C-alpha atoms as a PDB file:
ATOM      1  CA  UNK A   1     131.177  78.563  90.062  1.00  0.00           C
ATOM      2  CA  UNK A   2     128.520  76.061  89.178  1.00  0.00           C
ATOM      3  CA  UNK A   3     128.851  74.175  85.947  1.00  0.00           C
ATOM      4  CA  UNK A   4     125.105  73.813  86.004  1.00  0.00           C
ATOM      5  CA  UNK A   5     123.493  75.612  83.087  1.00  0.00           C
ATOM      6  CA  UNK A   6     120.286  75.478  81.115  1.00  0.00           C
ATOM      7  CA  UNK A   7     120.143  76.032  77.384  1.00  0.00           C
ATOM      8  CA  UNK A   8     116.368  75.926  77.442  1.00  0.00           C
ATOM      9  CA  UNK A   9     114.129  78.092  79.563  1.00  0.00           C
ATOM     10  CA  UNK A  10     113.176  76.404  82.825  1.00  0.00           C
ATOM     11  CA  UNK A  11     110.117  76.864  85.002  1.00  0.00           C
ATOM     12  CA  UNK A  12     111.252  80.036  86.767  1.00  0.00           C
ATOM     13  CA  UNK A  13     112.567  81.616  83.568  1.00  0.00           C
ATOM     14  CA  UNK A  14     109.267  80.985  81.781  1.00  0.00           C
ATOM     15  CA  UNK A  15     107.228  82.255  84.726  1.00  0.00           C
ATOM     16  CA  UNK A  16     109.359  85.398  85.080  1.00  0.00           C
ATOM     17  CA  UNK A  17     109.104  86.135  81.348  1.00  0.00           C
ATOM     18  CA  UNK A  18     105.329  85.656  81.416  1.00  0.00           C
ATOM     19  CA  UNK A  19     104.903  87.845  84.495  1.00  0.00           C
ATOM     20  CA  UNK A  20     107.059  90.630  83.047  1.00  0.00           C
ATOM     21  CA  UNK A  21     105.009  90.491  79.864  1.00  0.00           C
ATOM     22  CA  UNK A  22     101.713  90.701  81.753  1.00  0.00           C
ATOM     23  CA  UNK A  23     102.956  93.572  83.936  1.00  0.00           C
ATOM     24  CA  UNK A  24     104.073  95.478  80.854  1.00  0.00           C
ATOM     25  CA  UNK A  25     100.782  94.847  79.071  1.00  0.00           C
ATOM     26  CA  UNK A  26      98.616  95.947  82.016  1.00  0.00           C
ATOM     27  CA  UNK A  27     100.718  99.057  82.694  1.00  0.00           C
ATOM     28  CA  UNK A  28     100.845 100.032  79.015  1.00  0.00           C
ATOM     29  CA  UNK A  29      97.088  99.581  78.652  1.00  0.00           C
ATOM     30  CA  UNK A  30      96.472 101.771  81.685  1.00  0.00           C
ATOM     31  CA  UNK A  31      98.729 104.510  80.323  1.00  0.00           C
ATOM     32  CA  UNK A  32      96.933 104.480  76.958  1.00  0.00           C
ATOM     33  CA  UNK A  33      93.511 104.561  78.621  1.00  0.00           C
ATOM     34  CA  UNK A  34      94.474 107.492  80.842  1.00  0.00           C
ATOM     35  CA  UNK A  35      96.172 109.569  78.159  1.00  0.00           C
ATOM     36  CA  UNK A  36      93.729 108.994  75.315  1.00  0.00           C
ATOM     37  CA  UNK A  37      90.412 108.129  76.912  1.00  0.00           C
ATOM     38  CA  UNK A  38      90.622 109.666  80.402  1.00  0.00           C
ATOM     39  CA  UNK A  39      89.873 106.231  81.855  1.00  0.00           C
ATOM     40  CA  UNK A  40      91.767 103.362  83.475  1.00  0.00           C
ATOM     41  CA  UNK A  41      91.636  99.749  84.554  1.00  0.00           C
ATOM     42  CA  UNK A  42      90.484 100.143  88.141  1.00  0.00           C
ATOM     43  CA  UNK A  43      92.100  96.808  88.995  1.00  0.00           C
ATOM     44  CA  UNK A  44      95.324  97.486  87.081  1.00  0.00           C
ATOM     45  CA  UNK A  45      97.459  98.630  89.995  1.00  0.00           C
ATOM     46  CA  UNK A  46      96.413  95.747  92.231  1.00  0.00           C
ATOM     47  CA  UNK A  47      97.128  93.204  89.486  1.00  0.00           C
ATOM     48  CA  UNK A  48     100.545  94.764  88.903  1.00  0.00           C
ATOM     49  CA  UNK A  49     101.360  94.550  92.617  1.00  0.00           C
ATOM     50  CA  UNK A  50     100.286  90.903  92.714  1.00  0.00           C
ATOM     51  CA  UNK A  51     102.390  90.106  89.655  1.00  0.00           C
ATOM     52  CA  UNK A  52     105.366  91.912  91.158  1.00  0.00           C
ATOM     53  CA  UNK A  53     105.119  89.782  94.315  1.00  0.00           C
ATOM     54  CA  UNK A  54     105.066  86.637  92.159  1.00  0.00           C
ATOM     55  CA  UNK A  55     108.034  87.971  90.189  1.00  0.00           C
ATOM     56  CA  UNK A  56     110.120  88.537  93.324  1.00  0.00           C
ATOM     57  CA  UNK A  57     109.446  85.123  94.815  1.00  0.00           C
ATOM     58  CA  UNK A  58     110.139  83.312  91.550  1.00  0.00           C
ATOM     59  CA  UNK A  59     113.306  85.391  91.306  1.00  0.00           C
ATOM     60  CA  UNK A  60     114.544  84.183  94.696  1.00  0.00           C
ATOM     61  CA  UNK A  61     114.514  80.511  93.675  1.00  0.00           C
ATOM     62  CA  UNK A  62     115.875  81.399  90.236  1.00  0.00           C
ATOM     63  CA  UNK A  63     118.808  83.152  91.898  1.00  0.00           C
ATOM     64  CA  UNK A  64     119.638  79.976  93.804  1.00  0.00           C
ATOM     65  CA  UNK A  65     119.264  77.932  90.627  1.00  0.00           C
ATOM     66  CA  UNK A  66     121.842  79.955  88.670  1.00  0.00           C
ATOM     67  CA  UNK A  67     124.031  80.824  91.701  1.00  0.00           C
ATOM     68  CA  UNK A  68     123.314  84.548  91.400  1.00  0.00           C
ATOM     69  CA  UNK A  69     122.820  85.535  95.045  1.00  0.00           C
ATOM     70  CA  UNK A  70     125.475  87.810  96.489  1.00  0.00           C
ATOM     71  CA  UNK A  71     127.524  86.886  99.543  1.00  0.00           C
ATOM     72  CA  UNK A  72     130.753  87.492 101.413  1.00  0.00           C
ATOM     73  CA  UNK A  73     133.450  84.885 100.738  1.00  0.00           C
ATOM     74  CA  UNK A  74     136.554  86.650 102.066  1.00  0.00           C
ATOM     75  CA  UNK A  75     136.982  84.059 104.817  1.00  0.00           C
ATOM     76  CA  UNK A  76     136.132  80.925 102.843  1.00  0.00           C
ATOM     77  CA  UNK A  77     138.473  81.899 100.001  1.00  0.00           C
ATOM     78  CA  UNK A  78     141.498  81.515 102.285  1.00  0.00           C
ATOM     79  CA  UNK A  79     140.440  78.064 103.449  1.00  0.00           C
ATOM     80  CA  UNK A  80     141.773  74.815 101.964  1.00  0.00           C
ATOM     81  CA  UNK A  81     139.495  73.327  99.275  1.00  0.00           C
ATOM     82  CA  UNK A  82     138.246  70.491 101.503  1.00  0.00           C
ATOM     83  CA  UNK A  83     137.324  72.892 104.295  1.00  0.00           C
ATOM     84  CA  UNK A  84     135.631  75.185 101.782  1.00  0.00           C
ATOM     85  CA  UNK A  85     133.430  72.291 100.732  1.00  0.00           C
ATOM     86  CA  UNK A  86     132.553  71.422 104.338  1.00  0.00           C
ATOM     87  CA  UNK A  87     131.621  75.035 105.094  1.00  0.00           C
ATOM     88  CA  UNK A  88     129.591  75.258 101.873  1.00  0.00           C
ATOM     89  CA  UNK A  89     127.661  72.102 102.813  1.00  0.00           C
ATOM     90  CA  UNK A  90     126.971  73.437 106.312  1.00  0.00           C
ATOM     91  CA  UNK A  91     125.711  76.704 104.821  1.00  0.00           C
ATOM     92  CA  UNK A  92     123.571  74.758 102.360  1.00  0.00           C
ATOM     93  CA  UNK A  93     122.087  72.655 105.164  1.00  0.00           C
ATOM     94  CA  UNK A  94     121.167  75.816 107.083  1.00  0.00           C
ATOM     95  CA  UNK A  95     119.539  77.213 103.941  1.00  0.00           C
ATOM     96  CA  UNK A  96     117.522  74.016 103.495  1.00  0.00           C
ATOM     97  CA  UNK A  97     116.270  74.241 107.073  1.00  0.00           C
ATOM     98  CA  UNK A  98     115.401  77.910 106.546  1.00  0.00           C
ATOM     99  CA  UNK A  99     113.515  77.149 103.324  1.00  0.00           C
ATOM    100  CA  UNK A 100     111.631  74.313 105.046  1.00  0.00           C
ATOM    101  CA  UNK A 101     110.560  76.617 107.881  1.00  0.00           C
ATOM    102  CA  UNK A 102     109.562  79.229 105.315  1.00  0.00           C
ATOM    103  CA  UNK A 103     107.479  76.630 103.487  1.00  0.00           C
ATOM    104  CA  UNK A 104     105.680  75.680 106.701  1.00  0.00           C
ATOM    105  CA  UNK A 105     104.935  79.309 107.498  1.00  0.00           C
ATOM    106  CA  UNK A 106     103.794  79.980 103.941  1.00  0.00           C
ATOM    107  CA  UNK A 107     101.467  76.989 103.970  1.00  0.00           C
ATOM    108  CA  UNK A 108     100.025  77.962 107.344  1.00  0.00           C
ATOM    109  CA  UNK A 109      99.304  81.485 106.089  1.00  0.00           C
ATOM    110  CA  UNK A 110      97.826  80.395 102.748  1.00  0.00           C
ATOM    111  CA  UNK A 111      95.902  77.273 103.786  1.00  0.00           C
ATOM    112  CA  UNK A 112      92.860  79.011 105.378  1.00  0.00           C
ATOM    113  CA  UNK A 113      92.237  80.938 102.136  1.00  0.00           C
ATOM    114  CA  UNK A 114      92.053  77.571 100.342  1.00  0.00           C
ATOM    115  CA  UNK A 115      89.718  76.131 103.004  1.00  0.00           C
ATOM    116  CA  UNK A 116      92.544  73.869 104.172  1.00  0.00           C
ATOM    117  CA  UNK A 117      94.052  73.257 107.601  1.00  0.00           C
ATOM    118  CA  UNK A 118      97.253  74.740 108.949  1.00  0.00           C
ATOM    119  CA  UNK A 119      99.987  72.461 110.199  1.00  0.00           C
ATOM    120  CA  UNK A 120     100.420  71.906 113.913  1.00  0.00           C
ATOM    121  CA  UNK A 121     103.746  72.383 115.655  1.00  0.00           C
ATOM    122  CA  UNK A 122     105.597  75.634 116.308  1.00  0.00           C
ATOM    123  CA  UNK A 123     108.663  75.024 114.149  1.00  0.00           C
ATOM    124  CA  UNK A 124     108.218  71.717 112.346  1.00  0.00           C
ATOM    125  CA  UNK A 125     104.859  70.273 111.251  1.00  0.00           C
ATOM    126  CA  UNK A 126     103.539  67.544 113.502  1.00  0.00           C
ATOM    127  CA  UNK A 127     100.227  67.125 111.703  1.00  0.00           C
ATOM    128  CA  UNK A 128      97.268  69.334 110.865  1.00  0.00           C
ATOM    129  CA  UNK A 129      95.009  71.319 113.155  1.00  0.00           C
ATOM    130  CA  UNK A 130      91.456  72.465 112.571  1.00  0.00           C
ATOM    131  CA  UNK A 131      91.586  75.906 111.005  1.00  0.00           C
ATOM    132  CA  UNK A 132      88.939  78.568 110.522  1.00  0.00           C
ATOM    133  CA  UNK A 133      87.879  78.755 106.872  1.00  0.00           C
ATOM    134  CA  UNK A 134      88.846  82.041 105.220  1.00  0.00           C
ATOM    135  CA  UNK A 135      88.106  81.078 101.637  1.00  0.00           C
ATOM    136  CA  UNK A 136      85.568  83.895 101.324  1.00  0.00           C
ATOM    137  CA  UNK A 137      88.291  86.592 101.477  1.00  0.00           C
ATOM    138  CA  UNK A 138      88.625  88.384  98.159  1.00  0.00           C
ATOM    139  CA  UNK A 139      90.922  90.939  96.548  1.00  0.00           C
ATOM    140  CA  UNK A 140      89.995  94.620  96.535  1.00  0.00           C
ATOM    141  CA  UNK A 141      89.398  95.282  92.848  1.00  0.00           C
ATOM    142  CA  UNK A 142      90.423  92.318  90.688  1.00  0.00           C
ATOM    143  CA  UNK A 143      87.357  90.863  88.912  1.00  0.00           C
ATOM    144  CA  UNK A 144      86.597  87.172  89.116  1.00  0.00           C
ATOM    145  CA  UNK A 145      87.424  85.390  85.822  1.00  0.00           C
ATOM    146  CA  UNK A 146      84.544  83.247  84.630  1.00  0.00           C
ATOM    147  CA  UNK A 147      86.754  80.221  83.985  1.00  0.00           C
ATOM    148  CA  UNK A 148      87.581  80.098  87.711  1.00  0.00           C
ATOM    149  CA  UNK A 149      83.960  79.896  88.856  1.00  0.00           C
ATOM    150  CA  UNK A 150      84.446  76.194  89.607  1.00  0.00           C
ATOM    151  CA  UNK A 151      86.357  77.291  92.727  1.00  0.00           C
ATOM    152  CA  UNK A 152      83.141  78.545  94.281  1.00  0.00           C
ATOM    153  CA  UNK A 153      81.853  75.008  94.662  1.00  0.00           C
ATOM    154  CA  UNK A 154      85.230  73.651  95.723  1.00  0.00           C
ATOM    155  CA  UNK A 155      86.273  76.012  98.486  1.00  0.00           C
ATOM    156  CA  UNK A 156      83.516  78.597  99.010  1.00  0.00           C
ATOM    157  CA  UNK A 157      80.555  76.315  99.680  1.00  0.00           C
ATOM    158  CA  UNK A 158      78.901  77.355  96.441  1.00  0.00           C
ATOM    159  CA  UNK A 159      78.862  81.053  97.333  1.00  0.00           C
ATOM    160  CA  UNK A 160      79.569  83.406  94.415  1.00  0.00           C
ATOM    161  CA  UNK A 161      82.792  85.408  94.286  1.00  0.00           C
ATOM    162  CA  UNK A 162      82.312  88.962  93.062  1.00  0.00           C
ATOM    163  CA  UNK A 163      86.089  89.529  93.083  1.00  0.00           C
ATOM    164  CA  UNK A 164      89.102  87.268  92.696  1.00  0.00           C
ATOM    165  CA  UNK A 165      89.595  85.218  95.910  1.00  0.00           C
ATOM    166  CA  UNK A 166      92.825  85.835  97.785  1.00  0.00           C
ATOM    167  CA  UNK A 167      93.702  82.161  97.616  1.00  0.00           C
ATOM    168  CA  UNK A 168      94.982  82.681  94.059  1.00  0.00           C
ATOM    169  CA  UNK A 169      97.434  85.594  94.487  1.00  0.00           C
ATOM    170  CA  UNK A 170      98.575  84.236  97.864  1.00  0.00           C
ATOM    171  CA  UNK A 171      99.333  80.839  96.323  1.00  0.00           C
ATOM    172  CA  UNK A 172     102.786  82.131  95.392  1.00  0.00           C
ATOM    173  CA  UNK A 173     103.767  81.863  99.069  1.00  0.00           C
ATOM    174  CA  UNK A 174     103.793  78.034  99.289  1.00  0.00           C
ATOM    175  CA  UNK A 175     104.745  77.700  95.610  1.00  0.00           C
ATOM    176  CA  UNK A 176     107.699  80.065  95.921  1.00  0.00           C
ATOM    177  CA  UNK A 177     108.832  78.517  99.200  1.00  0.00           C
ATOM    178  CA  UNK A 178     108.625  74.985  97.777  1.00  0.00           C
ATOM    179  CA  UNK A 179     110.654  76.063  94.743  1.00  0.00           C
ATOM    180  CA  UNK A 180     113.247  77.690  96.981  1.00  0.00           C
ATOM    181  CA  UNK A 181     113.567  74.507  99.056  1.00  0.00           C
ATOM    182  CA  UNK A 182     113.885  72.431  95.891  1.00  0.00           C
ATOM    183  CA  UNK A 183     116.613  74.682  94.459  1.00  0.00           C
ATOM    184  CA  UNK A 184     118.557  74.616  97.726  1.00  0.00           C
ATOM    185  CA  UNK A 185     118.442  70.812  97.714  1.00  0.00           C
ATOM    186  CA  UNK A 186     119.652  70.815  94.109  1.00  0.00           C
ATOM    187  CA  UNK A 187     122.481  73.229  94.932  1.00  0.00           C
ATOM    188  CA  UNK A 188     123.507  71.112  97.922  1.00  0.00           C
ATOM    189  CA  UNK A 189     123.714  68.039  95.700  1.00  0.00           C
ATOM    190  CA  UNK A 190     125.896  69.936  93.219  1.00  0.00           C
ATOM    191  CA  UNK A 191     128.219  71.070  96.019  1.00  0.00           C
ATOM    192  CA  UNK A 192     128.442  67.496  97.316  1.00  0.00           C
ATOM    193  CA  UNK A 193     129.379  66.223  93.859  1.00  0.00           C
ATOM    194  CA  UNK A 194     131.930  68.984  93.389  1.00  0.00           C
ATOM    195  CA  UNK A 195     130.063  70.693  90.550  1.00  0.00           C
ATOM    196  CA  UNK A 196     129.539  73.895  92.526  1.00  0.00           C
ATOM    197  CA  UNK A 197     131.725  75.685  95.042  1.00  0.00           C
ATOM    198  CA  UNK A 198     129.176  77.591  97.104  1.00  0.00           C
ATOM    199  CA  UNK A 199     125.679  79.059  97.140  1.00  0.00           C
ATOM    200  CA  UNK A 200     126.779  82.565  96.176  1.00  0.00           C
ATOM    201  CA  UNK A 201     127.946  84.215  92.997  1.00  0.00           C
ATOM    202  CA  UNK A 202     131.580  83.495  92.221  1.00  0.00           C
ATOM    203  CA  UNK A 203     134.353  85.874  91.288  1.00  0.00           C
ATOM    204  CA  UNK A 204     134.242  84.519  87.754  1.00  0.00           C
ATOM    205  CA  UNK A 205     131.028  86.442  87.248  1.00  0.00           C
ATOM    206  CA  UNK A 206     132.616  89.566  88.719  1.00  0.00           C
ATOM    207  CA  UNK A 207     135.542  89.163  86.308  1.00  0.00           C
ATOM    208  CA  UNK A 208     133.144  88.891  83.386  1.00  0.00           C
ATOM    209  CA  UNK A 209     131.375  92.085  84.497  1.00  0.00           C
ATOM    210  CA  UNK A 210     134.708  93.891  84.754  1.00  0.00           C
ATOM    211  CA  UNK A 211     135.660  92.704  81.280  1.00  0.00           C
ATOM    212  CA  UNK A 212     132.353  93.963  79.888  1.00  0.00           C
ATOM    213  CA  UNK A 213     132.879  97.323  81.577  1.00  0.00           C
ATOM    214  CA  UNK A 214     136.427  97.535  80.146  1.00  0.00           C
ATOM    215  CA  UNK A 215     135.188  96.782  76.650  1.00  0.00           C
ATOM    216  CA  UNK A 216     132.451  99.391  77.056  1.00  0.00           C
ATOM    217  CA  UNK A 217     135.000 101.966  78.198  1.00  0.00           C
ATOM    218  CA  UNK A 218     137.272 101.167  75.262  1.00  0.00           C
ATOM    219  CA  UNK A 219     134.364 101.512  72.858  1.00  0.00           C
END
């Protein structure tokens, strides 16, 4: 199990807490409006779905950060310690490659909404290729916040947005992928230094859960 721990809230923890708070606030407000005033926030459901997508993708990198992802270690547990480390490093290298490919794909999907170019190359970026501008795409119901009007001159050629542009909710794709890549690189470094055994949750956590369940049963 990794000895890596954070006493203070990190980036993902803060983002997850904020997103959960916003989701709760929007949902609660909608419930109150429906029950008491026979009304609703027409954009509430779409905002909640967007926030949930951000929550999931932040959660993926957070899981790597705290070594919380599940995995099967029946085979590696019977290997000698040195071989376990070699296998863990190979697995980590594969995960880094996967995260890099995911980052490329995420950028290529998001870039047109930001009036930017996709990368060239099928698997690995070899440069940038001219891409059709899709910055005018907007969300279905989410209103455009006034403090974001500066984006109209930046990416939409001065044209007014009547709804929130998709570039903002879709930004979690490259952000989440970049965070995932960063956390995999961090985990690989910890494995190399011997501070972490693998990328998956260890049996120590399972033992702690069993102990908690035993205490609950005794109580």
